[in-house]
Amino acid sequence: MRENGKPGQDSAHPHVMRNTSSEELGNLLEEPEQRRQASHDACVLQHEKIRLVMLCSALLLLITCLVFFLFTNIFLPLFGAVVITYLLYKRVDAYFNKIE
């Protein structure tokens, strides 16, 4: 038995170790771009989650105002909810697009 060699290192193929180290070196050079892309993807994912929560909240508000309108026949809260949710979503969407 050989005790000098490292486990998993085959002396019959020493060029395999050199190729892996050059591949690792190439990977190290690509890492900053990959890290930047990964952080950008995480940021976009977070923004999409916020947009989804905003849309669900706006839908809940609109349904509530619609029920209120059906019971009281007052149109102003429904109109206000439509205008406010649209303007608020557009403002947040423009802010996220500027960041991205």
C-alpha atoms as a PDB file:
ATOM      1  CA  MET A   1       0.000   0.000   0.000  1.00  0.00           C
ATOM      2  CA  ARG A   2       1.078   3.524  -0.688  1.00  0.00           C
ATOM      3  CA  GLU A   3       1.048   5.895   2.217  1.00  0.00           C
ATOM      4  CA  ASN A   4       2.852   8.783   0.495  1.00  0.00           C
ATOM      5  CA  GLY A   5       0.063   9.787  -1.913  1.00  0.00           C
ATOM      6  CA  LYS A   6      -3.005  11.707  -0.984  1.00  0.00           C
ATOM      7  CA  PRO A   7      -6.260   9.799  -0.981  1.00  0.00           C
ATOM      8  CA  GLY A   8      -8.020  10.089  -4.301  1.00  0.00           C
ATOM      9  CA  GLN A   9      -4.874  11.134  -6.201  1.00  0.00           C
ATOM     10  CA  ASP A  10      -3.899   8.735  -8.965  1.00  0.00           C
ATOM     11  CA  SER A  11      -0.202   8.768  -9.851  1.00  0.00           C
ATOM     12  CA  ALA A  12      -0.933   7.269 -13.272  1.00  0.00           C
ATOM     13  CA  HIS A  13      -2.760  10.446 -14.308  1.00  0.00           C
ATOM     14  CA  PRO A  14      -0.933  13.462 -12.855  1.00  0.00           C
ATOM     15  CA  HIS A  15      -2.168  15.745 -15.681  1.00  0.00           C
ATOM     16  CA  VAL A  16      -5.702  15.464 -14.309  1.00  0.00           C
ATOM     17  CA  MET A  17      -4.706  17.427 -11.237  1.00  0.00           C
ATOM     18  CA  ARG A  18      -3.100  20.174 -13.362  1.00  0.00           C
ATOM     19  CA  ASN A  19      -6.209  20.519 -15.530  1.00  0.00           C
ATOM     20  CA  THR A  20      -8.456  20.835 -12.531  1.00  0.00           C
ATOM     21  CA  SER A  21      -6.306  23.518 -11.018  1.00  0.00           C
ATOM     22  CA  SER A  22      -6.364  25.537 -14.268  1.00  0.00           C
ATOM     23  CA  GLU A  23     -10.140  25.062 -14.415  1.00  0.00           C
ATOM     24  CA  GLU A  24     -10.390  26.273 -10.833  1.00  0.00           C
ATOM     25  CA  LEU A  25      -8.259  29.277 -11.760  1.00  0.00           C
ATOM     26  CA  GLY A  26     -10.619  30.049 -14.638  1.00  0.00           C
ATOM     27  CA  ASN A  27     -13.567  29.669 -12.274  1.00  0.00           C
ATOM     28  CA  LEU A  28     -11.964  32.097  -9.842  1.00  0.00           C
ATOM     29  CA  LEU A  29     -11.704  34.660 -12.616  1.00  0.00           C
ATOM     30  CA  GLU A  30     -15.376  34.223 -13.481  1.00  0.00           C
ATOM     31  CA  GLU A  31     -16.575  34.328  -9.860  1.00  0.00           C
ATOM     32  CA  PRO A  32     -17.003  38.135  -9.511  1.00  0.00           C
ATOM     33  CA  GLU A  33     -19.271  38.196 -12.588  1.00  0.00           C
ATOM     34  CA  GLN A  34     -21.219  35.201 -11.298  1.00  0.00           C
ATOM     35  CA  ARG A  35     -21.540  36.731  -7.834  1.00  0.00           C
ATOM     36  CA  ARG A  36     -22.752  39.992  -9.334  1.00  0.00           C
ATOM     37  CA  GLN A  37     -25.273  38.125 -11.494  1.00  0.00           C
ATOM     38  CA  ALA A  38     -26.441  36.084  -8.495  1.00  0.00           C
ATOM     39  CA  SER A  39     -26.929  39.187  -6.353  1.00  0.00           C
ATOM     40  CA  HIS A  40     -28.787  40.884  -9.222  1.00  0.00           C
ATOM     41  CA  ASP A  41     -31.056  37.844  -9.597  1.00  0.00           C
ATOM     42  CA  ALA A  42     -31.737  37.841  -5.854  1.00  0.00           C
ATOM     43  CA  CYS A  43     -32.572  41.553  -5.985  1.00  0.00           C
ATOM     44  CA  VAL A  44     -34.959  41.052  -8.908  1.00  0.00           C
ATOM     45  CA  LEU A  45     -36.593  38.136  -7.110  1.00  0.00           C
ATOM     46  CA  GLN A  46     -37.089  40.274  -4.002  1.00  0.00           C
ATOM     47  CA  HIS A  47     -38.616  43.073  -6.097  1.00  0.00           C
ATOM     48  CA  GLU A  48     -40.983  40.620  -7.781  1.00  0.00           C
ATOM     49  CA  LYS A  49     -42.111  39.345  -4.390  1.00  0.00           C
ATOM     50  CA  ILE A  50     -42.824  42.914  -3.267  1.00  0.00           C
ATOM     51  CA  ARG A  51     -44.757  43.581  -6.471  1.00  0.00           C
ATOM     52  CA  LEU A  52     -46.810  40.421  -5.944  1.00  0.00           C
ATOM     53  CA  VAL A  53     -47.670  41.424  -2.371  1.00  0.00           C
ATOM     54  CA  MET A  54     -48.653  44.896  -3.599  1.00  0.00           C
ATOM     55  CA  LEU A  55     -50.914  43.467  -6.288  1.00  0.00           C
ATOM     56  CA  CYS A  56     -52.589  41.089  -3.822  1.00  0.00           C
ATOM     57  CA  SER A  57     -53.114  43.921  -1.351  1.00  0.00           C
ATOM     58  CA  ALA A  58     -54.558  46.145  -4.080  1.00  0.00           C
ATOM     59  CA  LEU A  59     -56.915  43.377  -5.154  1.00  0.00           C
ATOM     60  CA  LEU A  60     -58.070  42.893  -1.571  1.00  0.00           C
ATOM     61  CA  LEU A  61     -58.636  46.642  -1.215  1.00  0.00           C
ATOM     62  CA  LEU A  62     -60.594  46.807  -4.460  1.00  0.00           C
ATOM     63  CA  ILE A  63     -62.800  43.868  -3.473  1.00  0.00           C
ATOM     64  CA  THR A  64     -63.462  45.467  -0.094  1.00  0.00           C
ATOM     65  CA  CYS A  65     -64.366  48.783  -1.716  1.00  0.00           C
ATOM     66  CA  LEU A  66     -66.602  46.994  -4.219  1.00  0.00           C
ATOM     67  CA  VAL A  67     -68.501  45.266  -1.404  1.00  0.00           C
ATOM     68  CA  PHE A  68     -68.775  48.613   0.381  1.00  0.00           C
ATOM     69  CA  PHE A  69     -70.118  50.166  -2.834  1.00  0.00           C
ATOM     70  CA  LEU A  70     -72.712  47.402  -3.254  1.00  0.00           C
ATOM     71  CA  PHE A  71     -74.048  47.904   0.264  1.00  0.00           C
ATOM     72  CA  THR A  72     -73.973  51.712   0.454  1.00  0.00           C
ATOM     73  CA  ASN A  73     -74.145  52.843  -3.208  1.00  0.00           C
ATOM     74  CA  ILE A  74     -71.351  55.359  -2.554  1.00  0.00           C
ATOM     75  CA  PHE A  75     -68.917  55.322  -5.457  1.00  0.00           C
ATOM     76  CA  LEU A  76     -66.189  57.579  -4.051  1.00  0.00           C
ATOM     77  CA  PRO A  77     -64.274  54.939  -1.993  1.00  0.00           C
ATOM     78  CA  LEU A  78     -64.165  52.561  -4.968  1.00  0.00           C
ATOM     79  CA  PHE A  79     -62.943  55.304  -7.287  1.00  0.00           C
ATOM     80  CA  GLY A  80     -60.354  56.415  -4.727  1.00  0.00           C
ATOM     81  CA  ALA A  81     -59.106  52.862  -4.275  1.00  0.00           C
ATOM     82  CA  VAL A  82     -58.695  52.370  -8.033  1.00  0.00           C
ATOM     83  CA  VAL A  83     -56.798  55.628  -8.487  1.00  0.00           C
ATOM     84  CA  ILE A  84     -54.612  55.242  -5.397  1.00  0.00           C
ATOM     85  CA  THR A  85     -53.649  51.615  -6.083  1.00  0.00           C
ATOM     86  CA  TYR A  86     -52.808  52.378  -9.719  1.00  0.00           C
ATOM     87  CA  LEU A  87     -50.672  55.417  -8.888  1.00  0.00           C
ATOM     88  CA  LEU A  88     -48.936  53.708  -5.980  1.00  0.00           C
ATOM     89  CA  TYR A  89     -48.097  50.617  -8.027  1.00  0.00           C
ATOM     90  CA  LYS A  90     -46.777  52.713 -10.913  1.00  0.00           C
ATOM     91  CA  ARG A  91     -44.567  54.716  -8.563  1.00  0.00           C
ATOM     92  CA  VAL A  92     -43.095  51.628  -6.867  1.00  0.00           C
ATOM     93  CA  ASP A  93     -42.652  49.900 -10.234  1.00  0.00           C
ATOM     94  CA  ALA A  94     -40.752  52.895 -11.623  1.00  0.00           C
ATOM     95  CA  TYR A  95     -38.552  52.947  -8.498  1.00  0.00           C
ATOM     96  CA  PHE A  96     -37.704  49.240  -8.831  1.00  0.00           C
ATOM     97  CA  ASN A  97     -36.981  49.610 -12.552  1.00  0.00           C
ATOM     98  CA  LYS A  98     -34.604  52.477 -11.779  1.00  0.00           C
ATOM     99  CA  ILE A  99     -32.768  50.333  -9.207  1.00  0.00           C
ATOM    100  CA  GLU A 100     -32.481  47.322 -11.516  1.00  0.00           C
END
